[in-house]
């Protein structure tokens, strides 16, 4: 197959707005799916499984509820700012020994195959 780069560039420029819009929509949809899966995979603390007792102010589900999806003009960011989120991600939890984000990242190629590109 031969591609005429000048023709391709002209077509791209003509459709650039559509390409950018559809790409942003797809990335937002992918980030939303990622967020939902990570949140679902986040364990809700069960103090009966813990080596040490929970502190008096502990609220089960805090880690799961703390996930955030922030949208910027050029990217989507899924994060959790709780100080123990990274420890849970890297094996601190017997309920999620493989983590939440690492497992979702591993599964993500197959997850996004099901996303519809474009909404038109």
PDB file of N, CA and C in Angstrom:
ATOM      1  N   UNK A   1       0.845  -1.179   0.000  1.00  0.00           N
ATOM      2  CA  UNK A   1       0.000   0.000   0.000  1.00  0.00           C
ATOM      3  C   UNK A   1       0.885   1.236   0.000  1.00  0.00           C
ATOM      4  N   UNK A   2       0.571   2.168  -0.849  1.00  0.00           N
ATOM      5  CA  UNK A   2       1.316   3.419  -0.945  1.00  0.00           C
ATOM      6  C   UNK A   2       0.451   4.552  -0.392  1.00  0.00           C
ATOM      7  N   UNK A   3       1.076   5.391   0.399  1.00  0.00           N
ATOM      8  CA  UNK A   3       0.360   6.522   0.979  1.00  0.00           C
ATOM      9  C   UNK A   3       1.000   7.808   0.492  1.00  0.00           C
ATOM     10  N   UNK A   4       0.168   8.676  -0.044  1.00  0.00           N
ATOM     11  CA  UNK A   4       0.624  10.001  -0.443  1.00  0.00           C
ATOM     12  C   UNK A   4       0.520  10.884   0.791  1.00  0.00           C
ATOM     13  N   UNK A   5       1.659  11.226   1.342  1.00  0.00           N
ATOM     14  CA  UNK A   5       1.681  11.961   2.605  1.00  0.00           C
ATOM     15  C   UNK A   5       1.003  13.330   2.484  1.00  0.00           C
ATOM     16  N   UNK A   6       1.136  13.985   1.346  1.00  0.00           N
ATOM     17  CA  UNK A   6       0.490  15.300   1.176  1.00  0.00           C
ATOM     18  C   UNK A   6      -1.030  15.170   1.198  1.00  0.00           C
ATOM     19  N   UNK A   7      -1.557  14.144   0.522  1.00  0.00           N
ATOM     20  CA  UNK A   7      -3.003  13.916   0.546  1.00  0.00           C
ATOM     21  C   UNK A   7      -3.459  13.563   1.959  1.00  0.00           C
ATOM     22  N   UNK A   8      -2.675  12.710   2.613  1.00  0.00           N
ATOM     23  CA  UNK A   8      -3.035  12.288   3.965  1.00  0.00           C
ATOM     24  C   UNK A   8      -3.064  13.497   4.900  1.00  0.00           C
ATOM     25  N   UNK A   9      -2.052  14.345   4.819  1.00  0.00           N
ATOM     26  CA  UNK A   9      -2.003  15.532   5.664  1.00  0.00           C
ATOM     27  C   UNK A   9      -3.158  16.484   5.379  1.00  0.00           C
ATOM     28  N   UNK A  10      -3.502  16.632   4.107  1.00  0.00           N
ATOM     29  CA  UNK A  10      -4.622  17.505   3.751  1.00  0.00           C
ATOM     30  C   UNK A  10      -5.928  16.955   4.336  1.00  0.00           C
ATOM     31  N   UNK A  11      -6.138  15.660   4.241  1.00  0.00           N
ATOM     32  CA  UNK A  11      -7.336  15.042   4.816  1.00  0.00           C
ATOM     33  C   UNK A  11      -7.325  15.172   6.339  1.00  0.00           C
ATOM     34  N   UNK A  12      -6.152  14.981   6.931  1.00  0.00           N
ATOM     35  CA  UNK A  12      -6.055  15.099   8.380  1.00  0.00           C
ATOM     36  C   UNK A  12      -6.402  16.511   8.833  1.00  0.00           C
ATOM     37  N   UNK A  13      -5.841  17.516   8.185  1.00  0.00           N
ATOM     38  CA  UNK A  13      -6.125  18.907   8.557  1.00  0.00           C
ATOM     39  C   UNK A  13      -7.608  19.209   8.418  1.00  0.00           C
ATOM     40  N   UNK A  14      -8.221  18.663   7.358  1.00  0.00           N
ATOM     41  CA  UNK A  14      -9.645  18.888   7.123  1.00  0.00           C
ATOM     42  C   UNK A  14     -10.485  18.295   8.259  1.00  0.00           C
ATOM     43  N   UNK A  15     -10.036  17.174   8.772  1.00  0.00           N
ATOM     44  CA  UNK A  15     -10.809  16.466   9.789  1.00  0.00           C
ATOM     45  C   UNK A  15     -10.204  16.554  11.195  1.00  0.00           C
ATOM     46  N   UNK A  16      -9.222  17.431  11.368  1.00  0.00           N
ATOM     47  CA  UNK A  16      -8.507  17.507  12.641  1.00  0.00           C
ATOM     48  C   UNK A  16      -9.442  17.760  13.830  1.00  0.00           C
ATOM     49  N   UNK A  17     -10.393  18.632  13.675  1.00  0.00           N
ATOM     50  CA  UNK A  17     -11.303  18.931  14.773  1.00  0.00           C
ATOM     51  C   UNK A  17     -12.069  17.680  15.201  1.00  0.00           C
ATOM     52  N   UNK A  18     -12.532  16.919  14.233  1.00  0.00           N
ATOM     53  CA  UNK A  18     -13.264  15.685  14.540  1.00  0.00           C
ATOM     54  C   UNK A  18     -12.328  14.679  15.199  1.00  0.00           C
ATOM     55  N   UNK A  19     -11.133  14.549  14.676  1.00  0.00           N
ATOM     56  CA  UNK A  19     -10.165  13.603  15.231  1.00  0.00           C
ATOM     57  C   UNK A  19      -9.850  13.955  16.684  1.00  0.00           C
ATOM     58  N   UNK A  20      -9.620  15.211  16.955  1.00  0.00           N
ATOM     59  CA  UNK A  20      -9.299  15.646  18.310  1.00  0.00           C
ATOM     60  C   UNK A  20     -10.491  15.422  19.238  1.00  0.00           C
ATOM     61  N   UNK A  21     -11.681  15.784  18.806  1.00  0.00           N
ATOM     62  CA  UNK A  21     -12.874  15.608  19.640  1.00  0.00           C
ATOM     63  C   UNK A  21     -13.109  14.133  19.956  1.00  0.00           C
ATOM     64  N   UNK A  22     -13.065  13.287  18.931  1.00  0.00           N
ATOM     65  CA  UNK A  22     -13.304  11.858  19.145  1.00  0.00           C
ATOM     66  C   UNK A  22     -12.212  11.253  20.024  1.00  0.00           C
ATOM     67  N   UNK A  23     -10.971  11.678  19.829  1.00  0.00           N
ATOM     68  CA  UNK A  23      -9.877  11.179  20.663  1.00  0.00           C
ATOM     69  C   UNK A  23     -10.069  11.566  22.124  1.00  0.00           C
ATOM     70  N   UNK A  24     -10.442  12.813  22.382  1.00  0.00           N
ATOM     71  CA  UNK A  24     -10.676  13.256  23.756  1.00  0.00           C
ATOM     72  C   UNK A  24     -11.847  12.510  24.380  1.00  0.00           C
ATOM     73  N   UNK A  25     -12.906  12.296  23.600  1.00  0.00           N
ATOM     74  CA  UNK A  25     -14.058  11.554  24.117  1.00  0.00           C
ATOM     75  C   UNK A  25     -13.655  10.117  24.465  1.00  0.00           C
ATOM     76  N   UNK A  26     -12.884   9.491  23.581  1.00  0.00           N
ATOM     77  CA  UNK A  26     -12.449   8.116  23.824  1.00  0.00           C
ATOM     78  C   UNK A  26     -11.557   8.048  25.064  1.00  0.00           C
ATOM     79  N   UNK A  27     -10.607   8.961  25.183  1.00  0.00           N
ATOM     80  CA  UNK A  27      -9.721   8.959  26.351  1.00  0.00           C
ATOM     81  C   UNK A  27     -10.499   9.220  27.638  1.00  0.00           C
ATOM     82  N   UNK A  28     -11.480  10.097  27.577  1.00  0.00           N
ATOM     83  CA  UNK A  28     -12.310  10.337  28.765  1.00  0.00           C
ATOM     84  C   UNK A  28     -13.095   9.076  29.128  1.00  0.00           C
ATOM     85  N   UNK A  29     -13.682   8.438  28.126  1.00  0.00           N
ATOM     86  CA  UNK A  29     -14.432   7.205  28.381  1.00  0.00           C
ATOM     87  C   UNK A  29     -13.517   6.125  28.949  1.00  0.00           C
ATOM     88  N   UNK A  30     -12.311   5.990  28.396  1.00  0.00           N
ATOM     89  CA  UNK A  30     -11.350   4.997  28.882  1.00  0.00           C
ATOM     90  C   UNK A  30     -10.953   5.300  30.326  1.00  0.00           C
ATOM     91  N   UNK A  31     -10.703   6.566  30.635  1.00  0.00           N
ATOM     92  CA  UNK A  31     -10.331   6.947  32.003  1.00  0.00           C
ATOM     93  C   UNK A  31     -11.477   6.685  32.973  1.00  0.00           C
ATOM     94  N   UNK A  32     -12.703   6.926  32.528  1.00  0.00           N
ATOM     95  CA  UNK A  32     -13.866   6.683  33.380  1.00  0.00           C
ATOM     96  C   UNK A  32     -14.015   5.193  33.673  1.00  0.00           C
ATOM     97  N   UNK A  33     -13.832   4.360  32.665  1.00  0.00           N
ATOM     98  CA  UNK A  33     -13.899   2.909  32.866  1.00  0.00           C
ATOM     99  C   UNK A  33     -12.778   2.473  33.805  1.00  0.00           C
ATOM    100  N   UNK A  34     -11.573   2.997  33.584  1.00  0.00           N
ATOM    101  CA  UNK A  34     -10.437   2.679  34.449  1.00  0.00           C
ATOM    102  C   UNK A  34     -10.754   3.050  35.895  1.00  0.00           C
ATOM    103  N   UNK A  35     -11.250   4.253  36.094  1.00  0.00           N
ATOM    104  CA  UNK A  35     -11.625   4.742  37.426  1.00  0.00           C
ATOM    105  C   UNK A  35     -12.638   3.805  38.084  1.00  0.00           C
ATOM    106  N   UNK A  36     -13.684   3.454  37.344  1.00  0.00           N
ATOM    107  CA  UNK A  36     -14.728   2.582  37.902  1.00  0.00           C
ATOM    108  C   UNK A  36     -14.168   1.227  38.319  1.00  0.00           C
ATOM    109  N   UNK A  37     -13.305   0.656  37.493  1.00  0.00           N
ATOM    110  CA  UNK A  37     -12.746  -0.660  37.799  1.00  0.00           C
ATOM    111  C   UNK A  37     -11.802  -0.582  38.997  1.00  0.00           C
ATOM    112  N   UNK A  38     -10.925   0.422  39.017  1.00  0.00           N
ATOM    113  CA  UNK A  38     -10.006   0.579  40.154  1.00  0.00           C
ATOM    114  C   UNK A  38     -10.793   0.762  41.442  1.00  0.00           C
ATOM    115  N   UNK A  39     -11.824   1.571  41.384  1.00  0.00           N
ATOM    116  CA  UNK A  39     -12.632   1.803  42.579  1.00  0.00           C
ATOM    117  C   UNK A  39     -13.303   0.499  43.031  1.00  0.00           C
ATOM    118  N   UNK A  40     -13.855  -0.257  42.095  1.00  0.00           N
ATOM    119  CA  UNK A  40     -14.493  -1.530  42.454  1.00  0.00           C
ATOM    120  C   UNK A  40     -13.498  -2.528  43.035  1.00  0.00           C
ATOM    121  N   UNK A  41     -12.259  -2.484  42.567  1.00  0.00           N
ATOM    122  CA  UNK A  41     -11.233  -3.419  43.042  1.00  0.00           C
ATOM    123  C   UNK A  41     -10.598  -2.991  44.364  1.00  0.00           C
ATOM    124  N   UNK A  42     -10.888  -1.790  44.793  1.00  0.00           N
ATOM    125  CA  UNK A  42     -10.314  -1.292  46.042  1.00  0.00           C
ATOM    126  C   UNK A  42     -11.035  -1.936  47.223  1.00  0.00           C
ATOM    127  N   UNK A  43     -10.284  -2.579  48.109  1.00  0.00           N
ATOM    128  CA  UNK A  43     -10.934  -3.247  49.231  1.00  0.00           C
ATOM    129  C   UNK A  43     -11.508  -2.261  50.242  1.00  0.00           C
ATOM    130  N   UNK A  44     -12.573  -2.702  50.864  1.00  0.00           N
ATOM    131  CA  UNK A  44     -13.130  -1.978  52.001  1.00  0.00           C
ATOM    132  C   UNK A  44     -12.540  -2.655  53.226  1.00  0.00           C
ATOM    133  N   UNK A  45     -11.878  -1.876  54.049  1.00  0.00           N
ATOM    134  CA  UNK A  45     -11.165  -2.436  55.189  1.00  0.00           C
ATOM    135  C   UNK A  45     -12.035  -3.295  56.093  1.00  0.00           C
ATOM    136  N   UNK A  46     -11.469  -4.420  56.491  1.00  0.00           N
ATOM    137  CA  UNK A  46     -12.133  -5.332  57.415  1.00  0.00           C
ATOM    138  C   UNK A  46     -11.186  -5.535  58.595  1.00  0.00           C
ATOM    139  N   UNK A  47     -11.370  -4.754  59.660  1.00  0.00           N
ATOM    140  CA  UNK A  47     -10.450  -4.818  60.794  1.00  0.00           C
ATOM    141  C   UNK A  47     -10.277  -6.220  61.382  1.00  0.00           C
ATOM    142  N   UNK A  48     -11.229  -7.110  61.167  1.00  0.00           N
ATOM    143  CA  UNK A  48     -11.079  -8.475  61.701  1.00  0.00           C
ATOM    144  C   UNK A  48      -9.941  -9.229  61.007  1.00  0.00           C
ATOM    145  N   UNK A  49      -9.506  -8.748  59.843  1.00  0.00           N
ATOM    146  CA  UNK A  49      -8.402  -9.375  59.118  1.00  0.00           C
ATOM    147  C   UNK A  49      -7.048  -8.757  59.454  1.00  0.00           C
ATOM    148  N   UNK A  50      -7.035  -7.697  60.217  1.00  0.00           N
ATOM    149  CA  UNK A  50      -5.828  -6.927  60.460  1.00  0.00           C
ATOM    150  C   UNK A  50      -5.014  -7.473  61.620  1.00  0.00           C
ATOM    151  N   UNK A  51      -3.708  -7.294  61.511  1.00  0.00           N
ATOM    152  CA  UNK A  51      -2.784  -7.698  62.575  1.00  0.00           C
ATOM    153  C   UNK A  51      -2.941  -6.795  63.797  1.00  0.00           C
ATOM    154  N   UNK A  52      -3.192  -5.513  63.531  1.00  0.00           N
ATOM    155  CA  UNK A  52      -3.351  -4.528  64.612  1.00  0.00           C
ATOM    156  C   UNK A  52      -4.759  -3.951  64.549  1.00  0.00           C
ATOM    157  N   UNK A  53      -5.300  -3.506  65.662  1.00  0.00           N
ATOM    158  CA  UNK A  53      -6.654  -2.943  65.648  1.00  0.00           C
ATOM    159  C   UNK A  53      -6.722  -1.626  64.867  1.00  0.00           C
ATOM    160  N   UNK A  54      -7.899  -1.352  64.338  1.00  0.00           N
ATOM    161  CA  UNK A  54      -8.125  -0.091  63.626  1.00  0.00           C
ATOM    162  C   UNK A  54      -8.074   1.069  64.610  1.00  0.00           C
ATOM    163  N   UNK A  55      -7.626   2.225  64.112  1.00  0.00           N
ATOM    164  CA  UNK A  55      -7.640   3.399  64.989  1.00  0.00           C
ATOM    165  C   UNK A  55      -9.091   3.810  65.240  1.00  0.00           C
ATOM    166  N   UNK A  56      -9.320   4.550  66.274  1.00  0.00           N
ATOM    167  CA  UNK A  56     -10.688   4.840  66.721  1.00  0.00           C
ATOM    168  C   UNK A  56     -11.513   5.619  65.693  1.00  0.00           C
ATOM    169  N   UNK A  57     -10.880   6.373  64.830  1.00  0.00           N
ATOM    170  CA  UNK A  57     -11.609   7.168  63.838  1.00  0.00           C
ATOM    171  C   UNK A  57     -11.736   6.476  62.486  1.00  0.00           C
ATOM    172  N   UNK A  58     -11.320   5.203  62.399  1.00  0.00           N
ATOM    173  CA  UNK A  58     -11.340   4.511  61.109  1.00  0.00           C
ATOM    174  C   UNK A  58     -12.778   4.361  60.585  1.00  0.00           C
ATOM    175  N   UNK A  59     -12.961   4.665  59.312  1.00  0.00           N
ATOM    176  CA  UNK A  59     -14.250   4.512  58.638  1.00  0.00           C
ATOM    177  C   UNK A  59     -14.051   3.549  57.472  1.00  0.00           C
ATOM    178  N   UNK A  60     -14.653   2.359  57.523  1.00  0.00           N
ATOM    179  CA  UNK A  60     -14.518   1.417  56.410  1.00  0.00           C
ATOM    180  C   UNK A  60     -14.985   2.044  55.096  1.00  0.00           C
ATOM    181  N   UNK A  61     -14.235   1.814  54.045  1.00  0.00           N
ATOM    182  CA  UNK A  61     -14.594   2.345  52.733  1.00  0.00           C
ATOM    183  C   UNK A  61     -13.951   3.667  52.395  1.00  0.00           C
ATOM    184  N   UNK A  62     -13.147   4.205  53.297  1.00  0.00           N
ATOM    185  CA  UNK A  62     -12.507   5.508  53.042  1.00  0.00           C
ATOM    186  C   UNK A  62     -11.588   5.454  51.821  1.00  0.00           C
ATOM    187  N   UNK A  63     -10.823   4.385  51.700  1.00  0.00           N
ATOM    188  CA  UNK A  63      -9.890   4.267  50.573  1.00  0.00           C
ATOM    189  C   UNK A  63     -10.659   4.207  49.260  1.00  0.00           C
ATOM    190  N   UNK A  64     -11.696   3.392  49.225  1.00  0.00           N
ATOM    191  CA  UNK A  64     -12.500   3.263  48.001  1.00  0.00           C
ATOM    192  C   UNK A  64     -13.135   4.608  47.636  1.00  0.00           C
ATOM    193  N   UNK A  65     -13.642   5.319  48.625  1.00  0.00           N
ATOM    194  CA  UNK A  65     -14.324   6.595  48.366  1.00  0.00           C
ATOM    195  C   UNK A  65     -13.368   7.716  47.968  1.00  0.00           C
ATOM    196  N   UNK A  66     -12.077   7.551  48.241  1.00  0.00           N
ATOM    197  CA  UNK A  66     -11.115   8.629  47.996  1.00  0.00           C
ATOM    198  C   UNK A  66     -10.576   8.676  46.562  1.00  0.00           C
ATOM    199  N   UNK A  67     -10.949   7.720  45.713  1.00  0.00           N
ATOM    200  CA  UNK A  67     -10.487   7.772  44.329  1.00  0.00           C
ATOM    201  C   UNK A  67     -11.058   8.990  43.632  1.00  0.00           C
ATOM    202  N   UNK A  68     -10.236   9.604  42.780  1.00  0.00           N
ATOM    203  CA  UNK A  68     -10.656  10.790  42.037  1.00  0.00           C
ATOM    204  C   UNK A  68     -10.266  10.644  40.573  1.00  0.00           C
ATOM    205  N   UNK A  69     -11.102  11.180  39.705  1.00  0.00           N
ATOM    206  CA  UNK A  69     -10.807  11.266  38.274  1.00  0.00           C
ATOM    207  C   UNK A  69     -10.793  12.744  37.933  1.00  0.00           C
ATOM    208  N   UNK A  70      -9.609  13.260  37.633  1.00  0.00           N
ATOM    209  CA  UNK A  70      -9.466  14.676  37.285  1.00  0.00           C
ATOM    210  C   UNK A  70      -9.247  14.796  35.783  1.00  0.00           C
ATOM    211  N   UNK A  71      -9.998  15.687  35.169  1.00  0.00           N
ATOM    212  CA  UNK A  71      -9.894  15.925  33.734  1.00  0.00           C
ATOM    213  C   UNK A  71      -9.189  17.247  33.479  1.00  0.00           C
ATOM    214  N   UNK A  72      -8.191  17.175  32.612  1.00  0.00           N
ATOM    215  CA  UNK A  72      -7.465  18.364  32.170  1.00  0.00           C
ATOM    216  C   UNK A  72      -7.638  18.451  30.656  1.00  0.00           C
ATOM    217  N   UNK A  73      -7.200  19.526  30.060  1.00  0.00           N
ATOM    218  CA  UNK A  73      -7.386  19.676  28.617  1.00  0.00           C
ATOM    219  C   UNK A  73      -6.618  18.620  27.828  1.00  0.00           C
ATOM    220  N   UNK A  74      -5.516  18.139  28.377  1.00  0.00           N
ATOM    221  CA  UNK A  74      -4.681  17.202  27.620  1.00  0.00           C
ATOM    222  C   UNK A  74      -4.552  15.821  28.261  1.00  0.00           C
ATOM    223  N   UNK A  75      -5.240  15.577  29.393  1.00  0.00           N
ATOM    224  CA  UNK A  75      -5.102  14.269  30.028  1.00  0.00           C
ATOM    225  C   UNK A  75      -6.184  14.063  31.081  1.00  0.00           C
ATOM    226  N   UNK A  76      -6.324  12.814  31.453  1.00  0.00           N
ATOM    227  CA  UNK A  76      -7.218  12.406  32.532  1.00  0.00           C
ATOM    228  C   UNK A  76      -6.331  11.720  33.570  1.00  0.00           C
ATOM    229  N   UNK A  77      -6.569  11.981  34.835  1.00  0.00           N
ATOM    230  CA  UNK A  77      -5.729  11.429  35.892  1.00  0.00           C
ATOM    231  C   UNK A  77      -6.613  10.759  36.942  1.00  0.00           C
ATOM    232  N   UNK A  78      -6.318   9.477  37.203  1.00  0.00           N
ATOM    233  CA  UNK A  78      -6.998   8.741  38.268  1.00  0.00           C
ATOM    234  C   UNK A  78      -6.013   8.654  39.427  1.00  0.00           C
ATOM    235  N   UNK A  79      -6.449   9.085  40.613  1.00  0.00           N
ATOM    236  CA  UNK A  79      -5.525   9.060  41.747  1.00  0.00           C
ATOM    237  C   UNK A  79      -6.276   8.934  43.059  1.00  0.00           C
ATOM    238  N   UNK A  80      -5.513   8.584  44.073  1.00  0.00           N
ATOM    239  CA  UNK A  80      -6.037   8.465  45.427  1.00  0.00           C
ATOM    240  C   UNK A  80      -5.001   9.095  46.349  1.00  0.00           C
ATOM    241  N   UNK A  81      -5.380  10.128  47.057  1.00  0.00           N
ATOM    242  CA  UNK A  81      -4.436  10.892  47.872  1.00  0.00           C
ATOM    243  C   UNK A  81      -4.327  10.430  49.323  1.00  0.00           C
ATOM    244  N   UNK A  82      -5.032   9.378  49.691  1.00  0.00           N
ATOM    245  CA  UNK A  82      -4.897   8.907  51.075  1.00  0.00           C
ATOM    246  C   UNK A  82      -3.477   8.392  51.298  1.00  0.00           C
ATOM    247  N   UNK A  83      -2.914   8.660  52.449  1.00  0.00           N
ATOM    248  CA  UNK A  83      -1.514   8.300  52.688  1.00  0.00           C
ATOM    249  C   UNK A  83      -1.230   6.797  52.595  1.00  0.00           C
ATOM    250  N   UNK A  84      -2.216   5.969  52.847  1.00  0.00           N
ATOM    251  CA  UNK A  84      -1.969   4.528  52.813  1.00  0.00           C
ATOM    252  C   UNK A  84      -2.372   3.866  51.492  1.00  0.00           C
ATOM    253  N   UNK A  85      -2.819   4.644  50.513  1.00  0.00           N
ATOM    254  CA  UNK A  85      -3.238   4.073  49.225  1.00  0.00           C
ATOM    255  C   UNK A  85      -2.097   3.318  48.547  1.00  0.00           C
ATOM    256  N   UNK A  86      -0.901   3.890  48.566  1.00  0.00           N
ATOM    257  CA  UNK A  86       0.234   3.234  47.925  1.00  0.00           C
ATOM    258  C   UNK A  86       0.598   1.938  48.651  1.00  0.00           C
ATOM    259  N   UNK A  87       0.497   1.937  49.975  1.00  0.00           N
ATOM    260  CA  UNK A  87       0.803   0.712  50.718  1.00  0.00           C
ATOM    261  C   UNK A  87      -0.185  -0.399  50.362  1.00  0.00           C
ATOM    262  N   UNK A  88      -1.456  -0.064  50.255  1.00  0.00           N
ATOM    263  CA  UNK A  88      -2.456  -1.063  49.875  1.00  0.00           C
ATOM    264  C   UNK A  88      -2.176  -1.551  48.452  1.00  0.00           C
ATOM    265  N   UNK A  89      -1.821  -0.635  47.570  1.00  0.00           N
ATOM    266  CA  UNK A  89      -1.510  -1.005  46.180  1.00  0.00           C
ATOM    267  C   UNK A  89      -0.367  -2.018  46.111  1.00  0.00           C
ATOM    268  N   UNK A  90       0.587  -1.900  47.002  1.00  0.00           N
ATOM    269  CA  UNK A  90       1.780  -2.758  46.939  1.00  0.00           C
ATOM    270  C   UNK A  90       1.822  -3.822  48.033  1.00  0.00           C
ATOM    271  N   UNK A  91       0.661  -4.432  48.325  1.00  0.00           N
ATOM    272  CA  UNK A  91       0.652  -5.637  49.118  1.00  0.00           C
ATOM    273  C   UNK A  91       0.288  -5.536  50.576  1.00  0.00           C
ATOM    274  N   UNK A  92      -0.079  -4.370  51.051  1.00  0.00           N
ATOM    275  CA  UNK A  92      -0.411  -4.197  52.458  1.00  0.00           C
ATOM    276  C   UNK A  92      -1.745  -4.846  52.800  1.00  0.00           C
ATOM    277  N   UNK A  93      -2.569  -5.096  51.794  1.00  0.00           N
ATOM    278  CA  UNK A  93      -3.903  -5.638  52.008  1.00  0.00           C
ATOM    279  C   UNK A  93      -3.985  -7.099  51.578  1.00  0.00           C
ATOM    280  N   UNK A  94      -4.501  -7.942  52.457  1.00  0.00           N
ATOM    281  CA  UNK A  94      -4.736  -9.334  52.065  1.00  0.00           C
ATOM    282  C   UNK A  94      -5.952  -9.434  51.150  1.00  0.00           C
ATOM    283  N   UNK A  95      -6.786  -8.406  51.131  1.00  0.00           N
ATOM    284  CA  UNK A  95      -7.960  -8.399  50.262  1.00  0.00           C
ATOM    285  C   UNK A  95      -7.609  -8.019  48.823  1.00  0.00           C
ATOM    286  N   UNK A  96      -6.518  -7.316  48.626  1.00  0.00           N
ATOM    287  CA  UNK A  96      -6.094  -6.896  47.286  1.00  0.00           C
ATOM    288  C   UNK A  96      -4.581  -7.052  47.176  1.00  0.00           C
ATOM    289  N   UNK A  97      -4.069  -8.289  47.303  1.00  0.00           N
ATOM    290  CA  UNK A  97      -2.615  -8.473  47.314  1.00  0.00           C
ATOM    291  C   UNK A  97      -1.919  -8.085  46.008  1.00  0.00           C
ATOM    292  N   UNK A  98      -2.667  -8.089  44.902  1.00  0.00           N
ATOM    293  CA  UNK A  98      -2.095  -7.700  43.612  1.00  0.00           C
ATOM    294  C   UNK A  98      -2.314  -6.225  43.305  1.00  0.00           C
ATOM    295  N   UNK A  99      -2.860  -5.503  44.271  1.00  0.00           N
ATOM    296  CA  UNK A  99      -3.132  -4.086  44.077  1.00  0.00           C
ATOM    297  C   UNK A  99      -4.440  -3.869  43.344  1.00  0.00           C
ATOM    298  N   UNK A 100      -4.716  -2.626  43.037  1.00  0.00           N
ATOM    299  CA  UNK A 100      -5.923  -2.254  42.313  1.00  0.00           C
ATOM    300  C   UNK A 100      -5.544  -1.643  40.968  1.00  0.00           C
ATOM    301  N   UNK A 101      -4.664  -0.654  41.010  1.00  0.00           N
ATOM    302  CA  UNK A 101      -4.251   0.001  39.768  1.00  0.00           C
ATOM    303  C   UNK A 101      -3.390  -0.925  38.907  1.00  0.00           C
ATOM    304  N   UNK A 102      -2.430  -1.605  39.530  1.00  0.00           N
ATOM    305  CA  UNK A 102      -1.550  -2.482  38.742  1.00  0.00           C
ATOM    306  C   UNK A 102      -2.343  -3.572  38.035  1.00  0.00           C
ATOM    307  N   UNK A 103      -3.317  -4.114  38.708  1.00  0.00           N
ATOM    308  CA  UNK A 103      -4.151  -5.154  38.113  1.00  0.00           C
ATOM    309  C   UNK A 103      -4.995  -4.581  36.975  1.00  0.00           C
ATOM    310  N   UNK A 104      -5.535  -3.401  37.174  1.00  0.00           N
ATOM    311  CA  UNK A 104      -6.355  -2.768  36.141  1.00  0.00           C
ATOM    312  C   UNK A 104      -5.494  -2.360  34.944  1.00  0.00           C
ATOM    313  N   UNK A 105      -4.296  -1.864  35.192  1.00  0.00           N
ATOM    314  CA  UNK A 105      -3.378  -1.529  34.084  1.00  0.00           C
ATOM    315  C   UNK A 105      -3.077  -2.778  33.268  1.00  0.00           C
ATOM    316  N   UNK A 106      -2.841  -3.878  33.949  1.00  0.00           N
ATOM    317  CA  UNK A 106      -2.545  -5.142  33.259  1.00  0.00           C
ATOM    318  C   UNK A 106      -3.724  -5.570  32.383  1.00  0.00           C
ATOM    319  N   UNK A 107      -4.940  -5.409  32.883  1.00  0.00           N
ATOM    320  CA  UNK A 107      -6.142  -5.828  32.159  1.00  0.00           C
ATOM    321  C   UNK A 107      -6.634  -4.786  31.156  1.00  0.00           C
ATOM    322  N   UNK A 108      -6.083  -3.590  31.190  1.00  0.00           N
ATOM    323  CA  UNK A 108      -6.660  -2.476  30.445  1.00  0.00           C
ATOM    324  C   UNK A 108      -6.711  -2.669  28.931  1.00  0.00           C
ATOM    325  N   UNK A 109      -5.711  -3.253  28.288  1.00  0.00           N
ATOM    326  CA  UNK A 109      -5.836  -3.435  26.832  1.00  0.00           C
ATOM    327  C   UNK A 109      -7.105  -4.195  26.437  1.00  0.00           C
ATOM    328  N   UNK A 110      -7.435  -5.235  27.176  1.00  0.00           N
ATOM    329  CA  UNK A 110      -8.659  -5.975  26.844  1.00  0.00           C
ATOM    330  C   UNK A 110      -9.906  -5.193  27.241  1.00  0.00           C
ATOM    331  N   UNK A 111      -9.811  -4.374  28.262  1.00  0.00           N
ATOM    332  CA  UNK A 111     -10.956  -3.580  28.707  1.00  0.00           C
ATOM    333  C   UNK A 111     -11.331  -2.540  27.654  1.00  0.00           C
ATOM    334  N   UNK A 112     -10.348  -1.844  27.094  1.00  0.00           N
ATOM    335  CA  UNK A 112     -10.670  -0.763  26.150  1.00  0.00           C
ATOM    336  C   UNK A 112     -11.109  -1.281  24.784  1.00  0.00           C
ATOM    337  N   UNK A 113     -10.854  -2.547  24.503  1.00  0.00           N
ATOM    338  CA  UNK A 113     -11.330  -3.093  23.225  1.00  0.00           C
ATOM    339  C   UNK A 113     -12.843  -3.000  23.113  1.00  0.00           C
ATOM    340  N   UNK A 114     -13.534  -3.019  24.253  1.00  0.00           N
ATOM    341  CA  UNK A 114     -14.987  -2.948  24.242  1.00  0.00           C
ATOM    342  C   UNK A 114     -15.551  -1.542  24.166  1.00  0.00           C
ATOM    343  N   UNK A 115     -14.700  -0.534  24.243  1.00  0.00           N
ATOM    344  CA  UNK A 115     -15.196   0.847  24.195  1.00  0.00           C
ATOM    345  C   UNK A 115     -15.528   1.229  22.764  1.00  0.00           C
ATOM    346  N   UNK A 116     -16.618   1.948  22.612  1.00  0.00           N
ATOM    347  CA  UNK A 116     -17.007   2.451  21.297  1.00  0.00           C
ATOM    348  C   UNK A 116     -16.234   3.743  21.047  1.00  0.00           C
ATOM    349  N   UNK A 117     -15.626   3.824  19.884  1.00  0.00           N
ATOM    350  CA  UNK A 117     -14.896   5.046  19.517  1.00  0.00           C
ATOM    351  C   UNK A 117     -15.863   5.998  18.852  1.00  0.00           C
ATOM    352  N   UNK A 118     -15.971   7.183  19.405  1.00  0.00           N
ATOM    353  CA  UNK A 118     -16.894   8.192  18.874  1.00  0.00           C
ATOM    354  C   UNK A 118     -18.294   7.949  19.395  1.00  0.00           C
ATOM    355  N   UNK A 119     -19.072   8.998  19.461  1.00  0.00           N
ATOM    356  CA  UNK A 119     -20.431   8.882  19.988  1.00  0.00           C
ATOM    357  C   UNK A 119     -21.481   9.229  18.947  1.00  0.00           C
ATOM    358  N   UNK A 120     -21.069   9.479  17.741  1.00  0.00           N
ATOM    359  CA  UNK A 120     -22.029   9.889  16.692  1.00  0.00           C
ATOM    360  C   UNK A 120     -22.813   8.715  16.169  1.00  0.00           C
TER     361      UNK A 120
END
